C-alpha atoms as a PDB file:
ATOM      1  CA  UNK A   1     -12.587   8.336 -24.758  1.00  0.00           C
ATOM      2  CA  UNK A   2     -13.362  10.486 -21.694  1.00  0.00           C
ATOM      3  CA  UNK A   3     -10.954  10.367 -18.795  1.00  0.00           C
ATOM      4  CA  UNK A   4     -11.887   8.558 -15.589  1.00  0.00           C
ATOM      5  CA  UNK A   5     -12.390  10.903 -12.669  1.00  0.00           C
ATOM      6  CA  UNK A   6     -10.130  10.069  -9.728  1.00  0.00           C
ATOM      7  CA  UNK A   7     -10.280  11.067  -6.088  1.00  0.00           C
ATOM      8  CA  UNK A   8      -7.708  10.049  -3.472  1.00  0.00           C
ATOM      9  CA  UNK A   9      -8.343   9.313   0.222  1.00  0.00           C
ATOM     10  CA  UNK A  10      -6.990  10.677   2.510  1.00  0.00           C
ATOM     11  CA  UNK A  11      -4.959  13.860   2.098  1.00  0.00           C
ATOM     12  CA  UNK A  12      -1.705  12.377   3.410  1.00  0.00           C
ATOM     13  CA  UNK A  13       1.841  11.661   2.309  1.00  0.00           C
ATOM     14  CA  UNK A  14       0.924   8.480   0.435  1.00  0.00           C
ATOM     15  CA  UNK A  15      -1.830  10.335  -1.381  1.00  0.00           C
ATOM     16  CA  UNK A  16       0.404  13.192  -2.438  1.00  0.00           C
ATOM     17  CA  UNK A  17       3.077  10.780  -3.687  1.00  0.00           C
ATOM     18  CA  UNK A  18       0.401   8.862  -5.588  1.00  0.00           C
ATOM     19  CA  UNK A  19      -0.042  11.906  -7.819  1.00  0.00           C
ATOM     20  CA  UNK A  20       3.419  11.244  -9.264  1.00  0.00           C
ATOM     21  CA  UNK A  21       2.207   7.808 -10.364  1.00  0.00           C
ATOM     22  CA  UNK A  22      -1.082   8.787 -12.030  1.00  0.00           C
ATOM     23  CA  UNK A  23      -1.440   8.473 -15.796  1.00  0.00           C
ATOM     24  CA  UNK A  24      -3.081  11.789 -16.612  1.00  0.00           C
ATOM     25  CA  UNK A  25      -3.973  10.602 -20.092  1.00  0.00           C
ATOM     26  CA  UNK A  26      -6.310   8.116 -18.397  1.00  0.00           C
ATOM     27  CA  UNK A  27      -7.404   9.964 -15.252  1.00  0.00           C
ATOM     28  CA  UNK A  28      -8.630  13.418 -14.341  1.00  0.00           C
ATOM     29  CA  UNK A  29      -7.654  14.147 -10.734  1.00  0.00           C
ATOM     30  CA  UNK A  30     -10.568  15.750  -8.875  1.00  0.00           C
ATOM     31  CA  UNK A  31      -8.981  16.169  -5.441  1.00  0.00           C
ATOM     32  CA  UNK A  32      -8.601  14.524  -2.057  1.00  0.00           C
ATOM     33  CA  UNK A  33     -11.075  13.312   0.552  1.00  0.00           C
ATOM     34  CA  UNK A  34     -10.232  13.769   4.215  1.00  0.00           C
ATOM     35  CA  UNK A  35     -12.174  13.492   7.460  1.00  0.00           C
ATOM     36  CA  UNK A  36     -10.097  16.261   9.039  1.00  0.00           C
ATOM     37  CA  UNK A  37     -11.930  19.377   7.940  1.00  0.00           C
ATOM     38  CA  UNK A  38      -9.041  21.542   9.102  1.00  0.00           C
ATOM     39  CA  UNK A  39      -6.801  20.245   6.314  1.00  0.00           C
ATOM     40  CA  UNK A  40      -6.425  22.862   3.601  1.00  0.00           C
ATOM     41  CA  UNK A  41      -4.293  23.109   0.497  1.00  0.00           C
ATOM     42  CA  UNK A  42      -3.599  25.932  -1.911  1.00  0.00           C
ATOM     43  CA  UNK A  43      -2.726  23.452  -4.649  1.00  0.00           C
ATOM     44  CA  UNK A  44      -5.412  20.781  -4.158  1.00  0.00           C
ATOM     45  CA  UNK A  45      -9.101  20.622  -3.342  1.00  0.00           C
ATOM     46  CA  UNK A  46      -9.924  18.677  -0.173  1.00  0.00           C
ATOM     47  CA  UNK A  47     -13.488  17.289  -0.030  1.00  0.00           C
ATOM     48  CA  UNK A  48     -15.602  15.552   2.578  1.00  0.00           C
ATOM     49  CA  UNK A  49     -16.847  11.996   2.062  1.00  0.00           C
ATOM     50  CA  UNK A  50     -20.145  13.366   0.759  1.00  0.00           C
ATOM     51  CA  UNK A  51     -18.595  13.684  -2.698  1.00  0.00           C
ATOM     52  CA  UNK A  52     -18.518   9.870  -2.981  1.00  0.00           C
ATOM     53  CA  UNK A  53     -22.305   9.534  -2.828  1.00  0.00           C
ATOM     54  CA  UNK A  54     -22.902  12.658  -4.897  1.00  0.00           C
ATOM     55  CA  UNK A  55     -20.716  11.472  -7.776  1.00  0.00           C
ATOM     56  CA  UNK A  56     -20.989   7.702  -8.032  1.00  0.00           C
ATOM     57  CA  UNK A  57     -18.917   7.692 -11.231  1.00  0.00           C
ATOM     58  CA  UNK A  58     -15.766   8.821  -9.401  1.00  0.00           C
ATOM     59  CA  UNK A  59     -13.030   6.242  -8.966  1.00  0.00           C
ATOM     60  CA  UNK A  60     -11.133   6.056  -5.682  1.00  0.00           C
ATOM     61  CA  UNK A  61      -7.613   5.298  -4.551  1.00  0.00           C
ATOM     62  CA  UNK A  62      -7.602   4.837  -0.767  1.00  0.00           C
ATOM     63  CA  UNK A  63      -4.126   4.947   0.773  1.00  0.00           C
ATOM     64  CA  UNK A  64      -4.439   5.564   4.528  1.00  0.00           C
ATOM     65  CA  UNK A  65      -1.856   4.217   6.916  1.00  0.00           C
ATOM     66  CA  UNK A  66       1.292   4.912   8.869  1.00  0.00           C
ATOM     67  CA  UNK A  67       3.297   3.115  11.556  1.00  0.00           C
ATOM     68  CA  UNK A  68       0.708   4.398  14.037  1.00  0.00           C
ATOM     69  CA  UNK A  69      -2.433   3.320  12.161  1.00  0.00           C
ATOM     70  CA  UNK A  70      -1.528   0.391   9.907  1.00  0.00           C
ATOM     71  CA  UNK A  71      -3.535  -2.094  11.986  1.00  0.00           C
ATOM     72  CA  UNK A  72      -6.695  -0.088  11.287  1.00  0.00           C
ATOM     73  CA  UNK A  73      -6.289   0.227   7.515  1.00  0.00           C
ATOM     74  CA  UNK A  74      -8.947  -2.401   6.810  1.00  0.00           C
ATOM     75  CA  UNK A  75     -11.544  -0.654   8.986  1.00  0.00           C
ATOM     76  CA  UNK A  76     -10.670   2.795   7.629  1.00  0.00           C
ATOM     77  CA  UNK A  77     -10.932   1.736   3.991  1.00  0.00           C
ATOM     78  CA  UNK A  78     -14.092  -0.312   4.569  1.00  0.00           C
ATOM     79  CA  UNK A  79     -15.698   2.686   6.264  1.00  0.00           C
ATOM     80  CA  UNK A  80     -15.878   4.316   2.824  1.00  0.00           C
ATOM     81  CA  UNK A  81     -18.553   1.712   2.051  1.00  0.00           C
ATOM     82  CA  UNK A  82     -17.614   1.420  -1.614  1.00  0.00           C
ATOM     83  CA  UNK A  83     -18.095  -1.398  -4.074  1.00  0.00           C
ATOM     84  CA  UNK A  84     -14.757  -2.871  -5.077  1.00  0.00           C
ATOM     85  CA  UNK A  85     -15.393  -1.798  -8.681  1.00  0.00           C
ATOM     86  CA  UNK A  86     -14.976   1.839  -7.677  1.00  0.00           C
ATOM     87  CA  UNK A  87     -11.432   1.274  -6.463  1.00  0.00           C
ATOM     88  CA  UNK A  88      -8.554   1.538  -8.914  1.00  0.00           C
ATOM     89  CA  UNK A  89      -4.924   0.520  -8.707  1.00  0.00           C
ATOM     90  CA  UNK A  90      -2.172   2.891  -9.796  1.00  0.00           C
ATOM     91  CA  UNK A  91       1.148   1.441 -10.914  1.00  0.00           C
ATOM     92  CA  UNK A  92       3.957   3.823 -11.821  1.00  0.00           C
ATOM     93  CA  UNK A  93       5.263   3.218 -15.368  1.00  0.00           C
ATOM     94  CA  UNK A  94       8.778   2.656 -14.002  1.00  0.00           C
ATOM     95  CA  UNK A  95       7.585  -0.452 -12.139  1.00  0.00           C
ATOM     96  CA  UNK A  96       8.959  -3.758 -13.415  1.00  0.00           C
ATOM     97  CA  UNK A  97       6.296  -6.482 -13.574  1.00  0.00           C
ATOM     98  CA  UNK A  98       7.610  -9.981 -14.184  1.00  0.00           C
ATOM     99  CA  UNK A  99       5.781 -12.933 -15.654  1.00  0.00           C
ATOM    100  CA  UNK A 100       2.473 -13.926 -14.087  1.00  0.00           C
ATOM    101  CA  UNK A 101       2.545 -11.153 -11.495  1.00  0.00           C
ATOM    102  CA  UNK A 102      -0.884 -10.414 -10.020  1.00  0.00           C
ATOM    103  CA  UNK A 103      -1.879  -7.090  -8.461  1.00  0.00           C
ATOM    104  CA  UNK A 104      -5.216  -6.628  -6.694  1.00  0.00           C
ATOM    105  CA  UNK A 105      -7.493  -3.601  -6.583  1.00  0.00           C
ATOM    106  CA  UNK A 106      -6.857  -0.351  -4.705  1.00  0.00           C
ATOM    107  CA  UNK A 107      -3.098  -0.797  -4.834  1.00  0.00           C
ATOM    108  CA  UNK A 108      -0.476   1.919  -5.148  1.00  0.00           C
ATOM    109  CA  UNK A 109       2.888   0.825  -6.556  1.00  0.00           C
ATOM    110  CA  UNK A 110       5.470   3.590  -6.723  1.00  0.00           C
ATOM    111  CA  UNK A 111       8.460   4.118  -9.053  1.00  0.00           C
ATOM    112  CA  UNK A 112      11.354   1.693  -9.137  1.00  0.00           C
ATOM    113  CA  UNK A 113       9.437  -1.216  -7.628  1.00  0.00           C
ATOM    114  CA  UNK A 114      10.335  -4.663  -8.987  1.00  0.00           C
ATOM    115  CA  UNK A 115       7.846  -7.536  -8.824  1.00  0.00           C
ATOM    116  CA  UNK A 116       9.348 -10.726 -10.224  1.00  0.00           C
ATOM    117  CA  UNK A 117       7.778 -13.918 -11.543  1.00  0.00           C
ATOM    118  CA  UNK A 118       4.565 -15.129  -9.906  1.00  0.00           C
ATOM    119  CA  UNK A 119       4.532 -12.504  -7.157  1.00  0.00           C
ATOM    120  CA  UNK A 120       1.027 -11.859  -5.831  1.00  0.00           C
ATOM    121  CA  UNK A 121       0.023  -8.478  -4.416  1.00  0.00           C
ATOM    122  CA  UNK A 122      -3.302  -8.473  -2.584  1.00  0.00           C
ATOM    123  CA  UNK A 123      -5.940  -5.743  -2.428  1.00  0.00           C
ATOM    124  CA  UNK A 124      -5.410  -2.367  -0.721  1.00  0.00           C
ATOM    125  CA  UNK A 125      -1.597  -2.670  -0.712  1.00  0.00           C
ATOM    126  CA  UNK A 126       0.888   0.235  -0.891  1.00  0.00           C
ATOM    127  CA  UNK A 127       4.471  -0.357  -2.042  1.00  0.00           C
ATOM    128  CA  UNK A 128       6.828   2.609  -1.794  1.00  0.00           C
ATOM    129  CA  UNK A 129       9.697   3.354  -4.202  1.00  0.00           C
ATOM    130  CA  UNK A 130      12.523   0.975  -5.093  1.00  0.00           C
ATOM    131  CA  UNK A 131      11.315  -2.097  -3.230  1.00  0.00           C
ATOM    132  CA  UNK A 132      11.853  -5.573  -4.668  1.00  0.00           C
ATOM    133  CA  UNK A 133       9.453  -8.479  -4.177  1.00  0.00           C
ATOM    134  CA  UNK A 134      10.879 -11.685  -5.560  1.00  0.00           C
ATOM    135  CA  UNK A 135       9.351 -14.735  -7.213  1.00  0.00           C
ATOM    136  CA  UNK A 136       6.381 -16.572  -5.746  1.00  0.00           C
ATOM    137  CA  UNK A 137       6.049 -14.186  -2.814  1.00  0.00           C
ATOM    138  CA  UNK A 138       2.663 -13.032  -1.530  1.00  0.00           C
ATOM    139  CA  UNK A 139       1.807  -9.693   0.060  1.00  0.00           C
ATOM    140  CA  UNK A 140      -1.508  -9.835   1.907  1.00  0.00           C
ATOM    141  CA  UNK A 141      -4.399  -7.374   1.796  1.00  0.00           C
ATOM    142  CA  UNK A 142      -4.088  -3.972   3.506  1.00  0.00           C
ATOM    143  CA  UNK A 143      -0.306  -4.246   3.948  1.00  0.00           C
ATOM    144  CA  UNK A 144       2.099  -1.315   3.638  1.00  0.00           C
ATOM    145  CA  UNK A 145       5.598  -1.891   2.222  1.00  0.00           C
ATOM    146  CA  UNK A 146       8.139   0.895   2.697  1.00  0.00           C
ATOM    147  CA  UNK A 147      10.873   1.990   0.314  1.00  0.00           C
ATOM    148  CA  UNK A 148      14.009  -0.030  -0.448  1.00  0.00           C
ATOM    149  CA  UNK A 149      12.551  -3.217   1.018  1.00  0.00           C
ATOM    150  CA  UNK A 150      13.760  -6.587  -0.278  1.00  0.00           C
ATOM    151  CA  UNK A 151      11.432  -9.566   0.084  1.00  0.00           C
ATOM    152  CA  UNK A 152      13.092 -12.785  -1.052  1.00  0.00           C
ATOM    153  CA  UNK A 153      11.351 -15.543  -2.975  1.00  0.00           C
ATOM    154  CA  UNK A 154       8.491 -17.670  -1.663  1.00  0.00           C
ATOM    155  CA  UNK A 155       7.850 -15.401   1.295  1.00  0.00           C
ATOM    156  CA  UNK A 156       4.295 -14.850   2.521  1.00  0.00           C
ATOM    157  CA  UNK A 157       3.285 -11.639   4.260  1.00  0.00           C
ATOM    158  CA  UNK A 158      -0.097 -11.547   5.972  1.00  0.00           C
ATOM    159  CA  UNK A 159      -2.704  -8.808   6.002  1.00  0.00           C
ATOM    160  CA  UNK A 160      -2.469  -5.426   7.725  1.00  0.00           C
ATOM    161  CA  UNK A 161       1.308  -5.611   8.111  1.00  0.00           C
ATOM    162  CA  UNK A 162       3.741  -2.708   8.068  1.00  0.00           C
ATOM    163  CA  UNK A 163       7.121  -3.389   6.455  1.00  0.00           C
ATOM    164  CA  UNK A 164       9.457  -0.537   7.371  1.00  0.00           C
ATOM    165  CA  UNK A 165      11.767   1.009   4.792  1.00  0.00           C
ATOM    166  CA  UNK A 166      15.099  -0.729   4.320  1.00  0.00           C
ATOM    167  CA  UNK A 167      13.861  -4.057   5.669  1.00  0.00           C
ATOM    168  CA  UNK A 168      15.270  -7.312   4.264  1.00  0.00           C
ATOM    169  CA  UNK A 169      13.311 -10.568   4.485  1.00  0.00           C
ATOM    170  CA  UNK A 170      14.897 -13.910   3.635  1.00  0.00           C
ATOM    171  CA  UNK A 171      13.194 -16.514   1.475  1.00  0.00           C
ATOM    172  CA  UNK A 172      10.673 -19.175   2.431  1.00  0.00           C
ATOM    173  CA  UNK A 173       9.285 -17.609   5.590  1.00  0.00           C
ATOM    174  CA  UNK A 174       5.940 -16.260   6.758  1.00  0.00           C
ATOM    175  CA  UNK A 175       5.088 -12.909   8.324  1.00  0.00           C
ATOM    176  CA  UNK A 176       1.765 -13.280  10.119  1.00  0.00           C
ATOM    177  CA  UNK A 177      -1.051 -10.691  10.177  1.00  0.00           C
ATOM    178  CA  UNK A 178      -0.810  -7.317  11.965  1.00  0.00           C
ATOM    179  CA  UNK A 179       2.967  -7.428  12.294  1.00  0.00           C
ATOM    180  CA  UNK A 180       5.288  -4.417  12.149  1.00  0.00           C
ATOM    181  CA  UNK A 181       8.838  -4.762  10.861  1.00  0.00           C
ATOM    182  CA  UNK A 182      10.864  -1.740  11.948  1.00  0.00           C
ATOM    183  CA  UNK A 183      13.109   0.340   9.705  1.00  0.00           C
ATOM    184  CA  UNK A 184      16.122  -1.577   8.453  1.00  0.00           C
ATOM    185  CA  UNK A 185      15.197  -4.866  10.100  1.00  0.00           C
ATOM    186  CA  UNK A 186      16.676  -8.127   8.856  1.00  0.00           C
ATOM    187  CA  UNK A 187      14.082 -10.877   9.122  1.00  0.00           C
ATOM    188  CA  UNK A 188      15.590 -14.376   9.145  1.00  0.00           C
ATOM    189  CA  UNK A 189      12.774 -16.457  10.641  1.00  0.00           C
ATOM    190  CA  UNK A 190       8.976 -16.656  10.716  1.00  0.00           C
ATOM    191  CA  UNK A 191       7.184 -13.790  12.454  1.00  0.00           C
ATOM    192  CA  UNK A 192       4.176 -14.494  14.685  1.00  0.00           C
ATOM    193  CA  UNK A 193       0.891 -12.595  14.546  1.00  0.00           C
ATOM    194  CA  UNK A 194       0.900  -9.093  16.097  1.00  0.00           C
ATOM    195  CA  UNK A 195       4.686  -8.985  16.342  1.00  0.00           C
ATOM    196  CA  UNK A 196       6.877  -5.899  16.416  1.00  0.00           C
ATOM    197  CA  UNK A 197      10.282  -6.735  14.957  1.00  0.00           C
ATOM    198  CA  UNK A 198      13.420  -4.577  15.075  1.00  0.00           C
ATOM    199  CA  UNK A 199      17.150  -5.007  14.574  1.00  0.00           C
ATOM    200  CA  UNK A 200      19.711  -7.180  12.790  1.00  0.00           C
ATOM    201  CA  UNK A 201      18.851  -9.952  13.171  1.00  0.00           C
ATOM    202  CA  UNK A 202      15.399  -8.783  14.145  1.00  0.00           C
ATOM    203  CA  UNK A 203      14.022  -9.545  17.585  1.00  0.00           C
ATOM    204  CA  UNK A 204      10.387  -9.432  18.677  1.00  0.00           C
ATOM    205  CA  UNK A 205       9.705  -6.524  21.047  1.00  0.00           C
ATOM    206  CA  UNK A 206       6.283  -7.916  21.969  1.00  0.00           C
ATOM    207  CA  UNK A 207       8.060 -10.724  23.853  1.00  0.00           C
ATOM    208  CA  UNK A 208      10.352  -8.410  25.835  1.00  0.00           C
END
């Protein structure tokens, strides 16, 4: 069976780390896409978006986003103008998937991640290494989860959120859309839309 051809957008840290998660028995990596034509690499080929229309059989993993741009992930990914069937999810083999876990399309799940029973991961989600998402929790579309994050059971995280590395979230709460949880924050109560949370216990900087 021929390998699927894979291209990653953009040429960024998430994209480079995604290469460690790819099953090369299943995929042939073609290169990166980036809108910054000044980006060059000796090791990898960096293409313009034109390659997507030229080769409609290519599959795509789109992993833009950082603390500065997480709110715009939806618009950036949608600007590729791709049918959802062209997106693929990549899950590192060292990920633990519990019973009835659901993972959407265009997701990147890195090594050491644990998803326990009934966890639901939406579309266009990135989860960095060694994070744990407990039972019956939901991570909304376009959200970024850093490394070593712990999300306790029955927690709901909205779309386009940024969960900084080392963050801990207690059970049975809701993080509303477009919220940023800073590095190492301890979240012990619901978080309103567009919040910026930092500290232990976390406080909302948008109200200060």
